[in-house]
Amino acid sequence: MNIYIFVDMEGISGVSGSEFVTAAGKLYQTGRQYYTQDVNVCARACFDAGASAVIARDGHGGGNHMLWDQLDPRIELVQGPTGAVRMAGLEECDALILLGYHAMAGTPGALLEHSYSSKAVQNMWLNGRPVGEIGIDAAIAGDYGVPTIMVSGDNYACAEAENWIPGVVPCVVKTGLGCQAARLLPMEKAHQLIRQQTTAAVAQLGTIEPLVVDRPATVRREMVERLPVPSARPGVTIVDGRTYEVSGDTVERAFFATV
């Protein structure tokens, strides 16, 4: 049994604002520590539950934030840009965990809510349904027949995950109090919860179905004010001055065609 952990930073336990997740932030190095610790806790629970391999994808920003020298030595780490493949190595795995995720752009009360780029993207839709990173990434895993079994983050992210993925195991490590504030569990309790929910999720492997959406899949993006949409070209439908969409035979292809 191989498990893939895709890791984002905003929903990591202990993170409560932008200062933890941007390289120029005063608390960025602390954020990197928390990021690496949560991955270790989750991966160790996977191994204890019977996993023979764990691949962790450093998925925040450019994908170069994990402290490699502090990782559990059994974890294989994917870092850096991987082109039009969202999760390199996923095809080798039996399940996906989305660790440290956040709610979609515009979610009231959610910590650091956005959809891929707070500077560029106002809203996104998948097949006409409002979507954020949780829905898109779970659906990309569905392209490969891989189920998303657990999602960790704030209460808003976990509610979004349950709305998109029937049977997913939520792991609420903090409560969102706004874009730049959260009520955090104590570290020991947060890590204990990650262990507990990871163990429960792995035990349910085989009962949680991959998220498979209708094909062709259509990804629509509404850009923030005054940012241009792509030039009209085959495959790109311009909806209005800020909005465009692309369809593809997989979610992954449709997603990367809109980037």
C-alpha atoms as a PDB file:
ATOM      1  CA  MET A   1       0.000   0.000   0.000  1.00  0.00           C
ATOM      2  CA  ASN A   2       1.435   3.345  -1.116  1.00  0.00           C
ATOM      3  CA  ILE A   3       0.100   6.684   0.154  1.00  0.00           C
ATOM      4  CA  TYR A   4       0.537  10.094  -1.494  1.00  0.00           C
ATOM      5  CA  ILE A   5       0.481  13.175   0.738  1.00  0.00           C
ATOM      6  CA  PHE A   6      -0.007  16.470  -1.087  1.00  0.00           C
ATOM      7  CA  VAL A   7       0.963  19.207   1.338  1.00  0.00           C
ATOM      8  CA  ASP A   8      -0.110  22.837   1.345  1.00  0.00           C
ATOM      9  CA  MET A   9       0.976  25.314   3.983  1.00  0.00           C
ATOM     10  CA  GLU A  10      -2.009  27.487   4.883  1.00  0.00           C
ATOM     11  CA  GLY A  11      -3.897  24.690   6.650  1.00  0.00           C
ATOM     12  CA  ILE A  12      -0.924  23.297   8.580  1.00  0.00           C
ATOM     13  CA  SER A  13      -1.383  23.155  12.353  1.00  0.00           C
ATOM     14  CA  GLY A  14       0.101  26.229  14.028  1.00  0.00           C
ATOM     15  CA  VAL A  15      -0.173  28.468  10.942  1.00  0.00           C
ATOM     16  CA  SER A  16      -2.429  31.480  11.525  1.00  0.00           C
ATOM     17  CA  GLY A  17      -1.593  34.050   8.848  1.00  0.00           C
ATOM     18  CA  SER A  18       0.487  35.131   5.864  1.00  0.00           C
ATOM     19  CA  GLU A  19       3.637  35.725   7.917  1.00  0.00           C
ATOM     20  CA  PHE A  20       4.022  31.931   8.188  1.00  0.00           C
ATOM     21  CA  VAL A  21       3.588  31.050   4.514  1.00  0.00           C
ATOM     22  CA  THR A  22       5.460  33.674   2.463  1.00  0.00           C
ATOM     23  CA  ALA A  23       9.228  33.677   2.116  1.00  0.00           C
ATOM     24  CA  ALA A  24       9.406  37.329   3.212  1.00  0.00           C
ATOM     25  CA  GLY A  25       7.243  36.687   6.273  1.00  0.00           C
ATOM     26  CA  LYS A  26       8.728  37.150   9.736  1.00  0.00           C
ATOM     27  CA  LEU A  27       7.447  33.705  10.791  1.00  0.00           C
ATOM     28  CA  TYR A  28       8.246  31.854   7.565  1.00  0.00           C
ATOM     29  CA  GLN A  29      11.006  29.668   9.032  1.00  0.00           C
ATOM     30  CA  THR A  30       8.666  28.715  11.863  1.00  0.00           C
ATOM     31  CA  GLY A  31       6.033  27.894   9.240  1.00  0.00           C
ATOM     32  CA  ARG A  32       8.495  25.587   7.492  1.00  0.00           C
ATOM     33  CA  GLN A  33       9.084  23.767  10.774  1.00  0.00           C
ATOM     34  CA  TYR A  34       5.348  23.273  11.338  1.00  0.00           C
ATOM     35  CA  TYR A  35       4.950  22.201   7.693  1.00  0.00           C
ATOM     36  CA  THR A  36       7.594  19.504   8.036  1.00  0.00           C
ATOM     37  CA  GLN A  37       6.321  18.341  11.436  1.00  0.00           C
ATOM     38  CA  ASP A  38       2.764  17.774  10.185  1.00  0.00           C
ATOM     39  CA  VAL A  39       4.076  15.725   7.245  1.00  0.00           C
ATOM     40  CA  ASN A  40       6.162  13.573   9.567  1.00  0.00           C
ATOM     41  CA  VAL A  41       3.226  12.945  11.886  1.00  0.00           C
ATOM     42  CA  CYS A  42       0.926  12.034   9.003  1.00  0.00           C
ATOM     43  CA  ALA A  43       3.478   9.829   7.229  1.00  0.00           C
ATOM     44  CA  ARG A  44       4.410   7.950  10.404  1.00  0.00           C
ATOM     45  CA  ALA A  45       0.732   7.199  10.976  1.00  0.00           C
ATOM     46  CA  CYS A  46       0.545   5.878   7.395  1.00  0.00           C
ATOM     47  CA  PHE A  47       3.521   3.586   7.968  1.00  0.00           C
ATOM     48  CA  ASP A  48       2.128   2.424  11.307  1.00  0.00           C
ATOM     49  CA  ALA A  49      -1.153   1.603   9.544  1.00  0.00           C
ATOM     50  CA  GLY A  50       0.621  -0.617   7.032  1.00  0.00           C
ATOM     51  CA  ALA A  51       1.867   1.639   4.222  1.00  0.00           C
ATOM     52  CA  SER A  52       4.956   0.338   2.469  1.00  0.00           C
ATOM     53  CA  ALA A  53       5.754   3.706   0.846  1.00  0.00           C
ATOM     54  CA  VAL A  54       4.809   7.346   1.341  1.00  0.00           C
ATOM     55  CA  ILE A  55       5.399  10.058  -1.257  1.00  0.00           C
ATOM     56  CA  ALA A  56       5.042  13.640  -0.036  1.00  0.00           C
ATOM     57  CA  ARG A  57       4.568  16.464  -2.536  1.00  0.00           C
ATOM     58  CA  ASP A  58       5.754  19.879  -1.386  1.00  0.00           C
ATOM     59  CA  GLY A  59       2.769  21.667  -2.900  1.00  0.00           C
ATOM     60  CA  HIS A  60       2.931  25.190  -1.507  1.00  0.00           C
ATOM     61  CA  GLY A  61       3.868  27.911  -4.004  1.00  0.00           C
ATOM     62  CA  GLY A  62       6.884  26.837  -6.038  1.00  0.00           C
ATOM     63  CA  GLY A  63       7.189  23.627  -4.040  1.00  0.00           C
ATOM     64  CA  ASN A  64      10.446  24.263  -2.187  1.00  0.00           C
ATOM     65  CA  HIS A  65       9.485  24.817   1.446  1.00  0.00           C
ATOM     66  CA  MET A  66       9.877  21.441   3.141  1.00  0.00           C
ATOM     67  CA  LEU A  67      12.883  20.923   5.431  1.00  0.00           C
ATOM     68  CA  TRP A  68      14.247  17.832   3.729  1.00  0.00           C
ATOM     69  CA  ASP A  69      16.880  17.143   6.390  1.00  0.00           C
ATOM     70  CA  GLN A  70      14.173  16.975   9.070  1.00  0.00           C
ATOM     71  CA  LEU A  71      11.841  14.554   7.260  1.00  0.00           C
ATOM     72  CA  ASP A  72      11.258  10.997   8.369  1.00  0.00           C
ATOM     73  CA  PRO A  73      13.887   9.103   6.323  1.00  0.00           C
ATOM     74  CA  ARG A  74      11.257   6.764   4.874  1.00  0.00           C
ATOM     75  CA  ILE A  75       9.438   9.599   3.060  1.00  0.00           C
ATOM     76  CA  GLU A  76      10.145  10.217  -0.626  1.00  0.00           C
ATOM     77  CA  LEU A  77       9.827  13.957  -1.290  1.00  0.00           C
ATOM     78  CA  VAL A  78       8.735  15.610  -4.544  1.00  0.00           C
ATOM     79  CA  GLN A  79       9.892  19.253  -4.743  1.00  0.00           C
ATOM     80  CA  GLY A  80       9.926  21.916  -7.437  1.00  0.00           C
ATOM     81  CA  PRO A  81       7.820  22.501 -10.570  1.00  0.00           C
ATOM     82  CA  THR A  82       6.589  19.322 -12.255  1.00  0.00           C
ATOM     83  CA  GLY A  83       5.084  20.829 -15.403  1.00  0.00           C
ATOM     84  CA  ALA A  84       1.585  19.767 -16.374  1.00  0.00           C
ATOM     85  CA  VAL A  85       1.561  16.927 -13.837  1.00  0.00           C
ATOM     86  CA  ARG A  86       0.011  18.106 -10.590  1.00  0.00           C
ATOM     87  CA  MET A  87       1.114  15.132  -8.452  1.00  0.00           C
ATOM     88  CA  ALA A  88       4.177  13.384  -9.839  1.00  0.00           C
ATOM     89  CA  GLY A  89       4.172   9.753  -8.710  1.00  0.00           C
ATOM     90  CA  LEU A  90       0.470   9.611  -7.847  1.00  0.00           C
ATOM     91  CA  GLU A  91      -0.085   6.799 -10.337  1.00  0.00           C
ATOM     92  CA  GLU A  92       2.031   4.568  -8.067  1.00  0.00           C
ATOM     93  CA  CYS A  93      -0.230   5.161  -5.065  1.00  0.00           C
ATOM     94  CA  ASP A  94      -3.428   3.722  -3.628  1.00  0.00           C
ATOM     95  CA  ALA A  95      -4.716   6.806  -1.806  1.00  0.00           C
ATOM     96  CA  LEU A  96      -4.245  10.561  -1.504  1.00  0.00           C
ATOM     97  CA  ILE A  97      -4.163  12.723   1.625  1.00  0.00           C
ATOM     98  CA  LEU A  98      -4.525  16.500   1.269  1.00  0.00           C
ATOM     99  CA  LEU A  99      -2.602  17.856   4.242  1.00  0.00           C
ATOM    100  CA  GLY A 100      -2.681  21.505   5.318  1.00  0.00           C
ATOM    101  CA  TYR A 101      -5.339  22.673   2.870  1.00  0.00           C
ATOM    102  CA  HIS A 102      -7.449  25.823   2.946  1.00  0.00           C
ATOM    103  CA  ALA A 103     -10.924  26.836   1.812  1.00  0.00           C
ATOM    104  CA  MET A 104     -11.720  28.198  -1.634  1.00  0.00           C
ATOM    105  CA  ALA A 105     -11.575  31.899  -2.486  1.00  0.00           C
ATOM    106  CA  GLY A 106     -14.382  33.925  -0.975  1.00  0.00           C
ATOM    107  CA  THR A 107     -15.221  31.583   1.915  1.00  0.00           C
ATOM    108  CA  PRO A 108     -16.345  33.873   4.773  1.00  0.00           C
ATOM    109  CA  GLY A 109     -14.347  33.409   7.972  1.00  0.00           C
ATOM    110  CA  ALA A 110     -11.828  30.968   6.504  1.00  0.00           C
ATOM    111  CA  LEU A 111      -8.109  31.304   7.189  1.00  0.00           C
ATOM    112  CA  LEU A 112      -6.063  32.385   4.144  1.00  0.00           C
ATOM    113  CA  GLU A 113      -8.872  31.423   1.750  1.00  0.00           C
ATOM    114  CA  HIS A 114      -7.943  31.505  -1.936  1.00  0.00           C
ATOM    115  CA  SER A 115      -7.958  29.362  -5.063  1.00  0.00           C
ATOM    116  CA  TYR A 116      -4.386  28.761  -6.256  1.00  0.00           C
ATOM    117  CA  SER A 117      -3.508  32.479  -6.514  1.00  0.00           C
ATOM    118  CA  SER A 118      -4.968  35.206  -4.323  1.00  0.00           C
ATOM    119  CA  LYS A 119      -3.312  37.751  -6.619  1.00  0.00           C
ATOM    120  CA  ALA A 120      -4.770  36.412  -9.860  1.00  0.00           C
ATOM    121  CA  VAL A 121      -7.870  34.268  -9.330  1.00  0.00           C
ATOM    122  CA  GLN A 122     -11.151  35.649  -8.005  1.00  0.00           C
ATOM    123  CA  ASN A 123     -13.248  32.492  -8.456  1.00  0.00           C
ATOM    124  CA  MET A 124     -13.069  29.054 -10.059  1.00  0.00           C
ATOM    125  CA  TRP A 125     -15.628  26.501 -11.194  1.00  0.00           C
ATOM    126  CA  LEU A 126     -15.424  22.829 -12.133  1.00  0.00           C
ATOM    127  CA  ASN A 127     -18.236  21.745 -14.445  1.00  0.00           C
ATOM    128  CA  GLY A 128     -20.222  24.793 -13.348  1.00  0.00           C
ATOM    129  CA  ARG A 129     -19.754  24.196  -9.607  1.00  0.00           C
ATOM    130  CA  PRO A 130     -17.738  26.640  -7.476  1.00  0.00           C
ATOM    131  CA  VAL A 131     -14.477  24.950  -6.585  1.00  0.00           C
ATOM    132  CA  GLY A 132     -11.158  25.515  -4.851  1.00  0.00           C
ATOM    133  CA  GLU A 133      -7.989  23.538  -4.500  1.00  0.00           C
ATOM    134  CA  ILE A 134      -9.613  20.728  -2.525  1.00  0.00           C
ATOM    135  CA  GLY A 135     -12.154  19.880  -5.221  1.00  0.00           C
ATOM    136  CA  ILE A 136      -9.745  20.287  -8.122  1.00  0.00           C
ATOM    137  CA  ASP A 137      -6.976  18.219  -6.550  1.00  0.00           C
ATOM    138  CA  ALA A 138      -9.336  15.459  -5.430  1.00  0.00           C
ATOM    139  CA  ALA A 139     -10.792  15.369  -8.963  1.00  0.00           C
ATOM    140  CA  ILE A 140      -7.303  15.219 -10.496  1.00  0.00           C
ATOM    141  CA  ALA A 141      -6.621  12.233  -8.242  1.00  0.00           C
ATOM    142  CA  GLY A 142      -9.881  10.817  -9.570  1.00  0.00           C
ATOM    143  CA  ASP A 143      -8.404  11.015 -13.081  1.00  0.00           C
ATOM    144  CA  TYR A 144      -5.932   8.377 -11.872  1.00  0.00           C
ATOM    145  CA  GLY A 145      -8.519   6.317 -10.005  1.00  0.00           C
ATOM    146  CA  VAL A 146      -7.022   7.355  -6.664  1.00  0.00           C
ATOM    147  CA  PRO A 147      -9.361   8.193  -3.758  1.00  0.00           C
ATOM    148  CA  THR A 148      -8.799  11.178  -1.483  1.00  0.00           C
ATOM    149  CA  ILE A 149      -9.156   9.701   1.998  1.00  0.00           C
ATOM    150  CA  MET A 150      -8.298  12.550   4.382  1.00  0.00           C
ATOM    151  CA  VAL A 151      -8.105  16.358   4.370  1.00  0.00           C
ATOM    152  CA  SER A 152      -6.579  18.478   7.146  1.00  0.00           C
ATOM    153  CA  GLY A 153      -6.942  22.218   7.665  1.00  0.00           C
ATOM    154  CA  ASP A 154      -9.304  24.634   9.349  1.00  0.00           C
ATOM    155  CA  ASN A 155     -12.994  23.925   9.911  1.00  0.00           C
ATOM    156  CA  TYR A 156     -13.970  25.627   6.659  1.00  0.00           C
ATOM    157  CA  ALA A 157     -11.531  23.595   4.566  1.00  0.00           C
ATOM    158  CA  CYS A 158     -12.717  20.357   6.128  1.00  0.00           C
ATOM    159  CA  ALA A 159     -16.387  21.241   5.568  1.00  0.00           C
ATOM    160  CA  GLU A 160     -15.559  21.963   1.922  1.00  0.00           C
ATOM    161  CA  ALA A 161     -13.804  18.601   1.644  1.00  0.00           C
ATOM    162  CA  GLU A 162     -16.824  16.753   3.028  1.00  0.00           C
ATOM    163  CA  ASN A 163     -19.031  18.612   0.556  1.00  0.00           C
ATOM    164  CA  TRP A 164     -16.904  17.453  -2.372  1.00  0.00           C
ATOM    165  CA  ILE A 165     -15.708  13.987  -1.312  1.00  0.00           C
ATOM    166  CA  PRO A 166     -18.266  11.556   0.167  1.00  0.00           C
ATOM    167  CA  GLY A 167     -16.782   9.618   3.064  1.00  0.00           C
ATOM    168  CA  VAL A 168     -13.558  11.636   3.343  1.00  0.00           C
ATOM    169  CA  VAL A 169     -12.063  11.782   6.828  1.00  0.00           C
ATOM    170  CA  PRO A 170     -11.777  15.411   8.035  1.00  0.00           C
ATOM    171  CA  CYS A 171      -8.988  16.599  10.340  1.00  0.00           C
ATOM    172  CA  VAL A 172      -9.805  20.013  11.834  1.00  0.00           C
ATOM    173  CA  VAL A 173      -6.584  21.317  13.396  1.00  0.00           C
ATOM    174  CA  LYS A 174      -7.821  24.913  13.861  1.00  0.00           C
ATOM    175  CA  THR A 175     -10.848  27.166  13.594  1.00  0.00           C
ATOM    176  CA  GLY A 176     -10.791  30.009  11.090  1.00  0.00           C
ATOM    177  CA  LEU A 177     -11.481  33.442  12.568  1.00  0.00           C
ATOM    178  CA  GLY A 178     -10.948  35.402   9.359  1.00  0.00           C
ATOM    179  CA  CYS A 179      -8.381  35.570   6.599  1.00  0.00           C
ATOM    180  CA  GLN A 180      -5.488  36.320   8.971  1.00  0.00           C
ATOM    181  CA  ALA A 181      -6.594  34.711  12.234  1.00  0.00           C
ATOM    182  CA  ALA A 182      -7.312  31.278  13.667  1.00  0.00           C
ATOM    183  CA  ARG A 183      -7.956  29.526  16.951  1.00  0.00           C
ATOM    184  CA  LEU A 184      -5.254  26.860  17.091  1.00  0.00           C
ATOM    185  CA  LEU A 185      -5.284  23.510  18.830  1.00  0.00           C
ATOM    186  CA  PRO A 186      -2.255  22.939  21.079  1.00  0.00           C
ATOM    187  CA  MET A 187       0.562  21.347  19.098  1.00  0.00           C
ATOM    188  CA  GLU A 188       0.390  18.012  20.891  1.00  0.00           C
ATOM    189  CA  LYS A 189      -3.366  17.787  20.419  1.00  0.00           C
ATOM    190  CA  ALA A 190      -3.150  18.801  16.738  1.00  0.00           C
ATOM    191  CA  HIS A 191      -0.507  16.171  16.038  1.00  0.00           C
ATOM    192  CA  GLN A 192      -2.490  13.567  17.954  1.00  0.00           C
ATOM    193  CA  LEU A 193      -5.538  14.390  15.823  1.00  0.00           C
ATOM    194  CA  ILE A 194      -3.531  14.077  12.591  1.00  0.00           C
ATOM    195  CA  ARG A 195      -2.311  10.647  13.728  1.00  0.00           C
ATOM    196  CA  GLN A 196      -5.812   9.569  14.709  1.00  0.00           C
ATOM    197  CA  GLN A 197      -7.528  10.757  11.526  1.00  0.00           C
ATOM    198  CA  THR A 198      -4.779   9.423   9.257  1.00  0.00           C
ATOM    199  CA  THR A 199      -5.094   6.005  10.898  1.00  0.00           C
ATOM    200  CA  ALA A 200      -8.881   6.108  10.503  1.00  0.00           C
ATOM    201  CA  ALA A 201      -8.597   7.161   6.846  1.00  0.00           C
ATOM    202  CA  VAL A 202      -6.146   4.399   5.933  1.00  0.00           C
ATOM    203  CA  ALA A 203      -8.417   1.873   7.661  1.00  0.00           C
ATOM    204  CA  GLN A 204     -11.241   3.010   5.353  1.00  0.00           C
ATOM    205  CA  LEU A 205      -9.199   2.575   2.189  1.00  0.00           C
ATOM    206  CA  GLY A 206     -11.418   0.698  -0.230  1.00  0.00           C
ATOM    207  CA  THR A 207     -14.638   2.234   1.060  1.00  0.00           C
ATOM    208  CA  ILE A 208     -13.962   5.836  -0.055  1.00  0.00           C
ATOM    209  CA  GLU A 209     -14.449   6.215  -3.792  1.00  0.00           C
ATOM    210  CA  PRO A 210     -12.270   8.396  -6.067  1.00  0.00           C
ATOM    211  CA  LEU A 211     -13.864  11.731  -6.964  1.00  0.00           C
ATOM    212  CA  VAL A 212     -14.815  11.278 -10.611  1.00  0.00           C
ATOM    213  CA  VAL A 213     -16.578  14.140 -12.393  1.00  0.00           C
ATOM    214  CA  ASP A 214     -18.298  14.204 -15.771  1.00  0.00           C
ATOM    215  CA  ARG A 215     -16.052  14.367 -18.835  1.00  0.00           C
ATOM    216  CA  PRO A 216     -15.141  16.419 -20.670  1.00  0.00           C
ATOM    217  CA  ALA A 217     -14.253  18.416 -17.583  1.00  0.00           C
ATOM    218  CA  THR A 218     -14.573  22.188 -17.776  1.00  0.00           C
ATOM    219  CA  VAL A 219     -12.497  24.507 -15.597  1.00  0.00           C
ATOM    220  CA  ARG A 220     -13.554  28.153 -15.494  1.00  0.00           C
ATOM    221  CA  ARG A 221     -11.474  30.959 -13.991  1.00  0.00           C
ATOM    222  CA  GLU A 222     -12.541  34.476 -13.124  1.00  0.00           C
ATOM    223  CA  MET A 223      -9.481  36.690 -12.829  1.00  0.00           C
ATOM    224  CA  VAL A 224      -9.179  39.531 -10.348  1.00  0.00           C
ATOM    225  CA  GLU A 225     -10.050  43.005 -11.583  1.00  0.00           C
ATOM    226  CA  ARG A 226      -7.989  44.241 -14.559  1.00  0.00           C
ATOM    227  CA  LEU A 227      -5.996  41.045 -15.004  1.00  0.00           C
ATOM    228  CA  PRO A 228      -6.296  39.903 -18.625  1.00  0.00           C
ATOM    229  CA  VAL A 229      -7.812  36.649 -19.778  1.00  0.00           C
ATOM    230  CA  PRO A 230      -5.938  34.629 -22.429  1.00  0.00           C
ATOM    231  CA  SER A 231      -6.238  35.559 -26.064  1.00  0.00           C
ATOM    232  CA  ALA A 232      -8.963  33.700 -27.907  1.00  0.00           C
ATOM    233  CA  ARG A 233      -7.571  30.431 -29.266  1.00  0.00           C
ATOM    234  CA  PRO A 234      -8.881  26.935 -30.026  1.00  0.00           C
ATOM    235  CA  GLY A 235     -10.134  25.320 -26.832  1.00  0.00           C
ATOM    236  CA  VAL A 236     -10.438  28.545 -24.843  1.00  0.00           C
ATOM    237  CA  THR A 237     -13.893  30.045 -24.374  1.00  0.00           C
ATOM    238  CA  ILE A 238     -13.956  33.699 -23.330  1.00  0.00           C
ATOM    239  CA  VAL A 239     -16.945  34.269 -21.053  1.00  0.00           C
ATOM    240  CA  ASP A 240     -16.408  37.955 -20.318  1.00  0.00           C
ATOM    241  CA  GLY A 241     -13.588  40.446 -19.728  1.00  0.00           C
ATOM    242  CA  ARG A 242     -12.405  38.625 -16.619  1.00  0.00           C
ATOM    243  CA  THR A 243     -13.574  35.063 -17.139  1.00  0.00           C
ATOM    244  CA  TYR A 244     -12.605  32.174 -19.414  1.00  0.00           C
ATOM    245  CA  GLU A 245     -12.894  28.402 -19.458  1.00  0.00           C
ATOM    246  CA  VAL A 246     -11.256  25.344 -20.971  1.00  0.00           C
ATOM    247  CA  SER A 247     -12.518  21.774 -21.337  1.00  0.00           C
ATOM    248  CA  GLY A 248     -10.417  18.637 -21.365  1.00  0.00           C
ATOM    249  CA  ASP A 249     -10.747  14.883 -21.339  1.00  0.00           C
ATOM    250  CA  THR A 250      -9.323  14.924 -17.795  1.00  0.00           C
ATOM    251  CA  VAL A 251      -9.544  17.451 -14.980  1.00  0.00           C
ATOM    252  CA  GLU A 252      -5.763  17.715 -14.944  1.00  0.00           C
ATOM    253  CA  ARG A 253      -5.576  18.669 -18.633  1.00  0.00           C
ATOM    254  CA  ALA A 254      -8.427  21.178 -18.304  1.00  0.00           C
ATOM    255  CA  PHE A 255      -6.831  22.687 -15.205  1.00  0.00           C
ATOM    256  CA  PHE A 256      -3.381  23.173 -16.725  1.00  0.00           C
ATOM    257  CA  ALA A 257      -4.855  24.549 -19.942  1.00  0.00           C
ATOM    258  CA  THR A 258      -6.288  27.432 -17.881  1.00  0.00           C
ATOM    259  CA  VAL A 259      -3.046  28.257 -16.065  1.00  0.00           C
END
